[in-house]
Amino acid sequence: MPLDNKTIVRRLYEEVWNKHKLKVVDELISPSHALIDPLVSTSQVGPEMYKRRVVELTTSFPDLRFTIEDMVAEKGKVVACWIISGTHKGRFLDVAATGKAVCVEGVTIHYITNGKILDSCARWDALGLMRQLGQAAPLEKMSVAGGSHGP
């Protein structure tokens, strides 16, 4: 019996991301799957690239955990609102391990057909993550060009 779309997405987060079961990627991700992510300038295509992304992030954050806050499904689309948390214990991008705990919110839209995830479009607070790692300045009181406005 085929799995419903929400169950497919739950398996992706629980089994692949949280339990690091990379073989499950082949069951869930289509060969032409494109992952669109704010940290990557082009989409990453296929199950092998998806596995590589999981390994990269779980190497940088070995205790990385996705918590699904909400999930909405309609026809072949599942929107997952999530929070990731973890400890920065390995190089991430060009940032050496800091030992800092991080927590970031995001949303991913998964497109599913015939029991496989065809594409995933992620939007998450990458700048917030870099701030938590000490790599970007926190937002200061904003000023308007040309001087102060208001009382």
N, C-alpha and C. Protein backbone atom coordinates (compact mmCIF):
# COMPACT_ATOMS: atom_id res chain seq x y z
N MET A 1 0.84 -1.18 0.00
CA MET A 1 0.00 0.00 0.00
C MET A 1 0.89 1.25 0.00
N PRO A 2 0.65 2.19 -0.93
CA PRO A 2 1.50 3.38 -1.00
C PRO A 2 1.32 4.28 0.23
N LEU A 3 2.39 4.98 0.59
CA LEU A 3 2.35 5.90 1.71
C LEU A 3 1.70 7.21 1.29
N ASP A 4 1.00 7.86 2.24
CA ASP A 4 0.47 9.18 1.90
C ASP A 4 1.62 10.18 1.91
N ASN A 5 1.39 11.33 1.30
CA ASN A 5 2.47 12.30 1.09
C ASN A 5 3.05 12.84 2.40
N LYS A 6 2.22 13.06 3.40
CA LYS A 6 2.75 13.55 4.69
C LYS A 6 3.66 12.50 5.33
N THR A 7 3.31 11.24 5.20
CA THR A 7 4.13 10.17 5.77
C THR A 7 5.49 10.12 5.07
N ILE A 8 5.49 10.33 3.77
CA ILE A 8 6.75 10.35 3.01
C ILE A 8 7.66 11.45 3.52
N VAL A 9 7.10 12.64 3.72
CA VAL A 9 7.90 13.77 4.19
C VAL A 9 8.36 13.56 5.63
N ARG A 10 7.48 13.02 6.47
CA ARG A 10 7.89 12.72 7.86
C ARG A 10 9.07 11.76 7.88
N ARG A 11 9.02 10.73 7.02
CA ARG A 11 10.14 9.79 6.94
C ARG A 11 11.43 10.48 6.54
N LEU A 12 11.33 11.43 5.61
CA LEU A 12 12.51 12.15 5.17
C LEU A 12 13.18 12.84 6.36
N TYR A 13 12.41 13.55 7.16
CA TYR A 13 13.00 14.28 8.28
C TYR A 13 13.41 13.35 9.42
N GLU A 14 12.55 12.42 9.78
CA GLU A 14 12.85 11.55 10.92
C GLU A 14 13.95 10.53 10.62
N GLU A 15 13.81 9.81 9.51
CA GLU A 15 14.75 8.73 9.23
C GLU A 15 16.04 9.22 8.58
N VAL A 16 15.92 10.10 7.59
CA VAL A 16 17.11 10.54 6.87
C VAL A 16 17.88 11.58 7.69
N TRP A 17 17.20 12.67 8.06
CA TRP A 17 17.91 13.75 8.75
C TRP A 17 18.21 13.43 10.20
N ASN A 18 17.21 12.97 10.95
CA ASN A 18 17.41 12.79 12.40
C ASN A 18 18.13 11.50 12.75
N LYS A 19 17.94 10.44 11.94
CA LYS A 19 18.58 9.16 12.25
C LYS A 19 19.72 8.81 11.29
N HIS A 20 19.96 9.66 10.31
CA HIS A 20 21.07 9.52 9.35
C HIS A 20 20.98 8.22 8.55
N LYS A 21 19.78 7.77 8.23
CA LYS A 21 19.60 6.55 7.42
C LYS A 21 19.61 6.94 5.94
N LEU A 22 20.80 7.03 5.38
CA LEU A 22 20.95 7.51 4.01
C LEU A 22 20.31 6.60 2.97
N LYS A 23 20.22 5.30 3.25
CA LYS A 23 19.61 4.39 2.26
C LYS A 23 18.14 4.72 2.02
N VAL A 24 17.50 5.38 2.98
CA VAL A 24 16.09 5.76 2.84
C VAL A 24 15.92 6.83 1.77
N VAL A 25 16.97 7.61 1.51
CA VAL A 25 16.91 8.64 0.47
C VAL A 25 16.51 8.01 -0.86
N ASP A 26 17.07 6.85 -1.19
CA ASP A 26 16.75 6.18 -2.46
C ASP A 26 15.28 5.78 -2.54
N GLU A 27 14.65 5.50 -1.41
CA GLU A 27 13.23 5.15 -1.39
C GLU A 27 12.34 6.37 -1.57
N LEU A 28 12.79 7.53 -1.11
CA LEU A 28 11.92 8.71 -1.05
C LEU A 28 12.17 9.76 -2.12
N ILE A 29 13.39 9.87 -2.58
CA ILE A 29 13.79 10.94 -3.50
C ILE A 29 13.86 10.42 -4.93
N SER A 30 13.23 11.15 -5.87
CA SER A 30 13.25 10.73 -7.28
C SER A 30 14.63 10.98 -7.88
N PRO A 31 14.96 10.24 -8.94
CA PRO A 31 16.28 10.42 -9.58
C PRO A 31 16.50 11.85 -10.11
N SER A 32 15.42 12.54 -10.45
CA SER A 32 15.56 13.89 -10.99
C SER A 32 15.31 14.97 -9.94
N HIS A 33 15.22 14.57 -8.67
CA HIS A 33 14.91 15.52 -7.59
C HIS A 33 15.86 16.71 -7.59
N ALA A 34 15.29 17.91 -7.51
CA ALA A 34 16.07 19.14 -7.39
C ALA A 34 15.83 19.74 -6.02
N LEU A 35 16.91 19.99 -5.28
CA LEU A 35 16.84 20.66 -3.99
C LEU A 35 17.28 22.11 -4.20
N ILE A 36 16.37 23.01 -3.92
CA ILE A 36 16.65 24.44 -4.03
C ILE A 36 16.79 24.97 -2.61
N ASP A 37 17.96 25.55 -2.31
CA ASP A 37 18.31 25.93 -0.94
C ASP A 37 19.02 27.29 -0.98
N PRO A 38 18.79 28.16 0.02
CA PRO A 38 19.41 29.48 0.00
C PRO A 38 20.94 29.47 0.04
N LEU A 39 21.56 28.41 0.52
CA LEU A 39 23.02 28.37 0.59
C LEU A 39 23.68 27.89 -0.69
N VAL A 40 22.89 27.44 -1.65
CA VAL A 40 23.44 26.87 -2.87
C VAL A 40 22.97 27.72 -4.05
N SER A 41 23.89 28.14 -4.91
CA SER A 41 23.53 29.02 -6.02
C SER A 41 22.76 28.30 -7.12
N THR A 42 22.91 27.00 -7.22
CA THR A 42 22.14 26.22 -8.20
C THR A 42 21.45 25.08 -7.46
N SER A 43 20.47 24.46 -8.11
CA SER A 43 19.81 23.35 -7.45
C SER A 43 20.74 22.13 -7.42
N GLN A 44 20.55 21.30 -6.43
CA GLN A 44 21.30 20.05 -6.31
C GLN A 44 20.38 18.95 -6.79
N VAL A 45 20.82 18.16 -7.76
CA VAL A 45 19.93 17.21 -8.41
C VAL A 45 20.27 15.76 -8.07
N GLY A 46 19.24 14.99 -7.72
CA GLY A 46 19.34 13.56 -7.54
C GLY A 46 19.58 13.11 -6.11
N PRO A 47 19.31 11.83 -5.86
CA PRO A 47 19.47 11.27 -4.52
C PRO A 47 20.89 11.34 -3.98
N GLU A 48 21.89 11.17 -4.84
CA GLU A 48 23.28 11.20 -4.36
C GLU A 48 23.65 12.59 -3.87
N MET A 49 23.19 13.61 -4.57
CA MET A 49 23.45 14.98 -4.12
C MET A 49 22.71 15.26 -2.81
N TYR A 50 21.50 14.71 -2.68
CA TYR A 50 20.74 14.90 -1.44
C TYR A 50 21.49 14.24 -0.27
N LYS A 51 21.98 13.04 -0.49
CA LYS A 51 22.76 12.36 0.54
C LYS A 51 23.99 13.18 0.92
N ARG A 52 24.66 13.74 -0.08
CA ARG A 52 25.84 14.55 0.17
C ARG A 52 25.49 15.75 1.06
N ARG A 53 24.34 16.36 0.80
CA ARG A 53 23.89 17.50 1.61
C ARG A 53 23.64 17.06 3.07
N VAL A 54 23.02 15.91 3.24
CA VAL A 54 22.77 15.39 4.59
C VAL A 54 24.09 15.17 5.31
N VAL A 55 25.05 14.54 4.64
CA VAL A 55 26.35 14.26 5.25
C VAL A 55 27.08 15.55 5.60
N GLU A 56 27.04 16.53 4.69
CA GLU A 56 27.71 17.82 4.96
C GLU A 56 27.16 18.46 6.23
N LEU A 57 25.84 18.53 6.33
CA LEU A 57 25.24 19.19 7.49
C LEU A 57 25.39 18.39 8.77
N THR A 58 25.26 17.08 8.69
CA THR A 58 25.38 16.28 9.90
C THR A 58 26.85 16.10 10.33
N THR A 59 27.79 16.38 9.44
CA THR A 59 29.19 16.41 9.83
C THR A 59 29.49 17.72 10.56
N SER A 60 28.93 18.81 10.06
CA SER A 60 29.11 20.11 10.70
C SER A 60 28.36 20.21 12.02
N PHE A 61 27.18 19.59 12.07
CA PHE A 61 26.30 19.62 13.24
C PHE A 61 25.89 18.17 13.56
N PRO A 62 26.74 17.39 14.23
CA PRO A 62 26.48 15.96 14.43
C PRO A 62 25.17 15.65 15.16
N ASP A 63 24.73 16.56 16.01
CA ASP A 63 23.48 16.33 16.73
C ASP A 63 22.30 17.07 16.08
N LEU A 64 22.44 17.42 14.80
CA LEU A 64 21.39 18.13 14.07
C LEU A 64 20.06 17.41 14.22
N ARG A 65 19.02 18.18 14.50
CA ARG A 65 17.69 17.60 14.68
C ARG A 65 16.66 18.50 14.03
N PHE A 66 15.84 17.91 13.17
CA PHE A 66 14.70 18.61 12.60
C PHE A 66 13.49 18.31 13.46
N THR A 67 12.76 19.36 13.82
CA THR A 67 11.48 19.22 14.51
C THR A 67 10.43 19.83 13.60
N ILE A 68 9.47 19.03 13.19
CA ILE A 68 8.40 19.54 12.34
C ILE A 68 7.38 20.23 13.23
N GLU A 69 7.17 21.52 12.97
CA GLU A 69 6.22 22.32 13.74
C GLU A 69 4.82 22.26 13.13
N ASP A 70 4.76 22.17 11.81
CA ASP A 70 3.47 22.13 11.12
C ASP A 70 3.68 21.51 9.75
N MET A 71 2.63 20.92 9.22
CA MET A 71 2.71 20.31 7.90
C MET A 71 1.34 20.43 7.24
N VAL A 72 1.33 20.89 6.00
CA VAL A 72 0.10 21.04 5.24
C VAL A 72 0.29 20.30 3.91
N ALA A 73 -0.69 19.50 3.54
CA ALA A 73 -0.61 18.75 2.29
C ALA A 73 -1.85 19.03 1.44
N GLU A 74 -1.60 19.22 0.16
CA GLU A 74 -2.69 19.37 -0.79
C GLU A 74 -2.23 18.81 -2.12
N LYS A 75 -3.00 17.87 -2.64
CA LYS A 75 -2.65 17.18 -3.88
C LYS A 75 -1.21 16.68 -3.80
N GLY A 76 -0.34 17.09 -4.70
CA GLY A 76 1.03 16.58 -4.72
C GLY A 76 2.03 17.48 -4.04
N LYS A 77 1.57 18.32 -3.11
CA LYS A 77 2.47 19.28 -2.47
C LYS A 77 2.35 19.13 -0.96
N VAL A 78 3.51 19.09 -0.28
CA VAL A 78 3.55 19.08 1.19
C VAL A 78 4.45 20.23 1.63
N VAL A 79 3.91 21.08 2.49
CA VAL A 79 4.67 22.19 3.05
C VAL A 79 5.00 21.82 4.49
N ALA A 80 6.29 21.76 4.79
CA ALA A 80 6.75 21.43 6.14
C ALA A 80 7.39 22.66 6.76
N CYS A 81 6.86 23.08 7.90
CA CYS A 81 7.46 24.16 8.69
C CYS A 81 8.27 23.48 9.78
N TRP A 82 9.54 23.82 9.90
CA TRP A 82 10.42 23.08 10.79
C TRP A 82 11.37 24.00 11.54
N ILE A 83 11.97 23.42 12.55
CA ILE A 83 13.06 24.06 13.29
C ILE A 83 14.21 23.07 13.31
N ILE A 84 15.41 23.56 12.98
CA ILE A 84 16.59 22.71 13.15
C ILE A 84 17.36 23.23 14.35
N SER A 85 17.94 22.29 15.05
CA SER A 85 18.81 22.65 16.17
C SER A 85 20.01 21.71 16.14
N GLY A 86 21.10 22.18 16.68
CA GLY A 86 22.30 21.36 16.73
C GLY A 86 23.47 22.16 17.26
N THR A 87 24.60 21.47 17.36
CA THR A 87 25.83 22.08 17.87
C THR A 87 26.88 22.07 16.78
N HIS A 88 27.48 23.22 16.54
CA HIS A 88 28.46 23.38 15.47
C HIS A 88 29.80 22.77 15.89
N LYS A 89 30.03 21.51 15.47
CA LYS A 89 31.24 20.80 15.89
C LYS A 89 32.17 20.47 14.73
N GLY A 90 31.80 20.86 13.53
CA GLY A 90 32.66 20.62 12.36
C GLY A 90 32.57 21.81 11.42
N ARG A 91 33.52 21.91 10.50
CA ARG A 91 33.54 23.03 9.56
C ARG A 91 32.22 23.11 8.80
N PHE A 92 31.68 24.32 8.73
CA PHE A 92 30.44 24.58 7.98
C PHE A 92 30.74 25.75 7.05
N LEU A 93 30.62 25.51 5.75
CA LEU A 93 31.04 26.48 4.75
C LEU A 93 32.51 26.79 5.05
N ASP A 94 32.86 28.02 5.31
CA ASP A 94 34.25 28.35 5.63
C ASP A 94 34.44 28.65 7.10
N VAL A 95 33.50 28.19 7.93
CA VAL A 95 33.54 28.51 9.35
C VAL A 95 34.01 27.29 10.14
N ALA A 96 35.13 27.45 10.85
CA ALA A 96 35.63 26.37 11.70
C ALA A 96 34.66 26.13 12.84
N ALA A 97 34.67 24.94 13.40
CA ALA A 97 33.78 24.58 14.49
C ALA A 97 33.85 25.60 15.62
N THR A 98 32.68 26.01 16.10
CA THR A 98 32.62 27.00 17.18
C THR A 98 32.14 26.40 18.49
N GLY A 99 31.51 25.23 18.42
CA GLY A 99 30.93 24.63 19.62
C GLY A 99 29.62 25.28 20.03
N LYS A 100 29.13 26.22 19.23
CA LYS A 100 27.91 26.94 19.57
C LYS A 100 26.67 26.14 19.19
N ALA A 101 25.66 26.22 20.06
CA ALA A 101 24.35 25.63 19.77
C ALA A 101 23.59 26.60 18.87
N VAL A 102 22.90 26.06 17.88
CA VAL A 102 22.13 26.88 16.96
C VAL A 102 20.69 26.37 16.90
N CYS A 103 19.81 27.27 16.49
CA CYS A 103 18.40 26.94 16.32
C CYS A 103 17.86 27.86 15.23
N VAL A 104 17.33 27.28 14.16
CA VAL A 104 16.90 28.05 13.00
C VAL A 104 15.56 27.51 12.50
N GLU A 105 14.68 28.44 12.10
CA GLU A 105 13.38 28.07 11.54
C GLU A 105 13.44 28.06 10.02
N GLY A 106 12.59 27.24 9.42
CA GLY A 106 12.51 27.21 7.97
C GLY A 106 11.24 26.55 7.49
N VAL A 107 11.06 26.62 6.17
CA VAL A 107 9.91 26.02 5.50
C VAL A 107 10.43 25.34 4.24
N THR A 108 9.96 24.15 3.97
CA THR A 108 10.31 23.47 2.72
C THR A 108 9.02 23.01 2.05
N ILE A 109 8.92 23.29 0.76
CA ILE A 109 7.81 22.80 -0.05
C ILE A 109 8.33 21.60 -0.82
N HIS A 110 7.69 20.46 -0.61
CA HIS A 110 8.05 19.22 -1.30
C HIS A 110 6.97 18.90 -2.33
N TYR A 111 7.38 18.57 -3.54
CA TYR A 111 6.46 18.18 -4.61
C TYR A 111 6.59 16.67 -4.78
N ILE A 112 5.47 15.97 -4.68
CA ILE A 112 5.49 14.50 -4.63
C ILE A 112 4.57 13.92 -5.71
N THR A 113 5.08 12.90 -6.39
CA THR A 113 4.30 12.15 -7.38
C THR A 113 4.66 10.67 -7.27
N ASN A 114 3.65 9.83 -7.28
CA ASN A 114 3.85 8.38 -7.25
C ASN A 114 4.77 7.92 -6.12
N GLY A 115 4.62 8.52 -4.95
CA GLY A 115 5.37 8.09 -3.78
C GLY A 115 6.81 8.56 -3.70
N LYS A 116 7.22 9.46 -4.60
CA LYS A 116 8.60 9.98 -4.59
C LYS A 116 8.58 11.51 -4.53
N ILE A 117 9.54 12.06 -3.81
CA ILE A 117 9.68 13.51 -3.76
C ILE A 117 10.42 13.94 -5.02
N LEU A 118 9.72 14.75 -5.85
CA LEU A 118 10.30 15.18 -7.12
C LEU A 118 11.22 16.39 -6.96
N ASP A 119 10.79 17.34 -6.15
CA ASP A 119 11.56 18.56 -5.92
C ASP A 119 11.29 19.06 -4.52
N SER A 120 12.25 19.83 -3.98
CA SER A 120 12.10 20.44 -2.66
C SER A 120 12.66 21.86 -2.74
N CYS A 121 11.86 22.81 -2.28
CA CYS A 121 12.28 24.21 -2.28
C CYS A 121 12.30 24.68 -0.83
N ALA A 122 13.50 24.90 -0.30
CA ALA A 122 13.67 25.27 1.11
C ALA A 122 13.90 26.77 1.23
N ARG A 123 13.28 27.34 2.25
CA ARG A 123 13.50 28.74 2.62
C ARG A 123 13.71 28.76 4.12
N TRP A 124 14.87 29.21 4.55
CA TRP A 124 15.18 29.23 5.97
C TRP A 124 16.12 30.38 6.28
N ASP A 125 16.29 30.65 7.55
CA ASP A 125 17.03 31.80 8.03
C ASP A 125 18.55 31.53 8.03
N ALA A 126 19.14 31.52 6.84
CA ALA A 126 20.58 31.27 6.72
C ALA A 126 21.38 32.39 7.38
N LEU A 127 20.93 33.63 7.27
CA LEU A 127 21.63 34.74 7.91
C LEU A 127 21.58 34.59 9.43
N GLY A 128 20.43 34.18 9.95
CA GLY A 128 20.31 33.94 11.39
C GLY A 128 21.27 32.87 11.86
N LEU A 129 21.45 31.83 11.06
CA LEU A 129 22.41 30.79 11.42
C LEU A 129 23.82 31.36 11.48
N MET A 130 24.19 32.15 10.47
CA MET A 130 25.53 32.72 10.46
C MET A 130 25.73 33.68 11.63
N ARG A 131 24.69 34.39 12.01
CA ARG A 131 24.78 35.26 13.19
C ARG A 131 25.03 34.43 14.45
N GLN A 132 24.31 33.32 14.57
CA GLN A 132 24.49 32.45 15.74
C GLN A 132 25.90 31.88 15.80
N LEU A 133 26.53 31.73 14.65
CA LEU A 133 27.90 31.23 14.60
C LEU A 133 28.93 32.35 14.75
N GLY A 134 28.44 33.58 14.93
CA GLY A 134 29.33 34.72 15.11
C GLY A 134 29.93 35.23 13.81
N GLN A 135 29.30 34.93 12.68
CA GLN A 135 29.86 35.29 11.38
C GLN A 135 29.16 36.47 10.73
N ALA A 136 28.14 37.03 11.37
CA ALA A 136 27.44 38.20 10.84
C ALA A 136 27.02 39.05 12.02
N ALA A 137 27.07 40.35 11.85
CA ALA A 137 26.72 41.25 12.93
C ALA A 137 25.21 41.21 13.18
N PRO A 138 24.80 41.34 14.43
CA PRO A 138 23.37 41.41 14.71
C PRO A 138 22.79 42.69 14.14
N LEU A 139 21.50 42.68 13.88
CA LEU A 139 20.85 43.89 13.37
C LEU A 139 20.90 44.98 14.43
N GLU A 140 21.32 46.15 14.03
CA GLU A 140 21.35 47.29 14.92
C GLU A 140 20.11 48.12 14.63
N LYS A 141 19.89 49.15 15.43
CA LYS A 141 18.79 50.05 15.18
C LYS A 141 18.97 50.60 13.77
N MET A 142 17.95 50.47 12.98
CA MET A 142 18.05 50.90 11.59
C MET A 142 17.97 52.40 11.48
N SER A 143 18.80 52.98 10.64
CA SER A 143 18.74 54.41 10.38
C SER A 143 18.33 54.61 8.93
N VAL A 144 17.69 55.74 8.67
CA VAL A 144 17.23 56.05 7.34
C VAL A 144 18.22 56.99 6.70
N ALA A 145 18.56 56.75 5.43
CA ALA A 145 19.50 57.62 4.72
C ALA A 145 18.98 59.06 4.76
N GLY A 146 19.86 59.99 5.01
CA GLY A 146 19.47 61.40 5.04
C GLY A 146 19.16 61.91 6.42
N GLY A 147 19.31 61.07 7.43
CA GLY A 147 19.11 61.55 8.80
C GLY A 147 17.99 60.85 9.52
N SER A 148 17.71 61.35 10.69
CA SER A 148 16.72 60.74 11.57
C SER A 148 15.33 61.22 11.20
N HIS A 149 14.37 60.33 11.23
CA HIS A 149 12.98 60.68 10.96
C HIS A 149 12.16 60.26 12.15
N GLY A 150 11.30 61.13 12.58
CA GLY A 150 10.44 60.79 13.71
C GLY A 150 10.91 61.50 14.96
N PRO A 151 10.21 61.26 16.08
CA PRO A 151 10.53 61.95 17.33
C PRO A 151 11.86 61.57 17.92
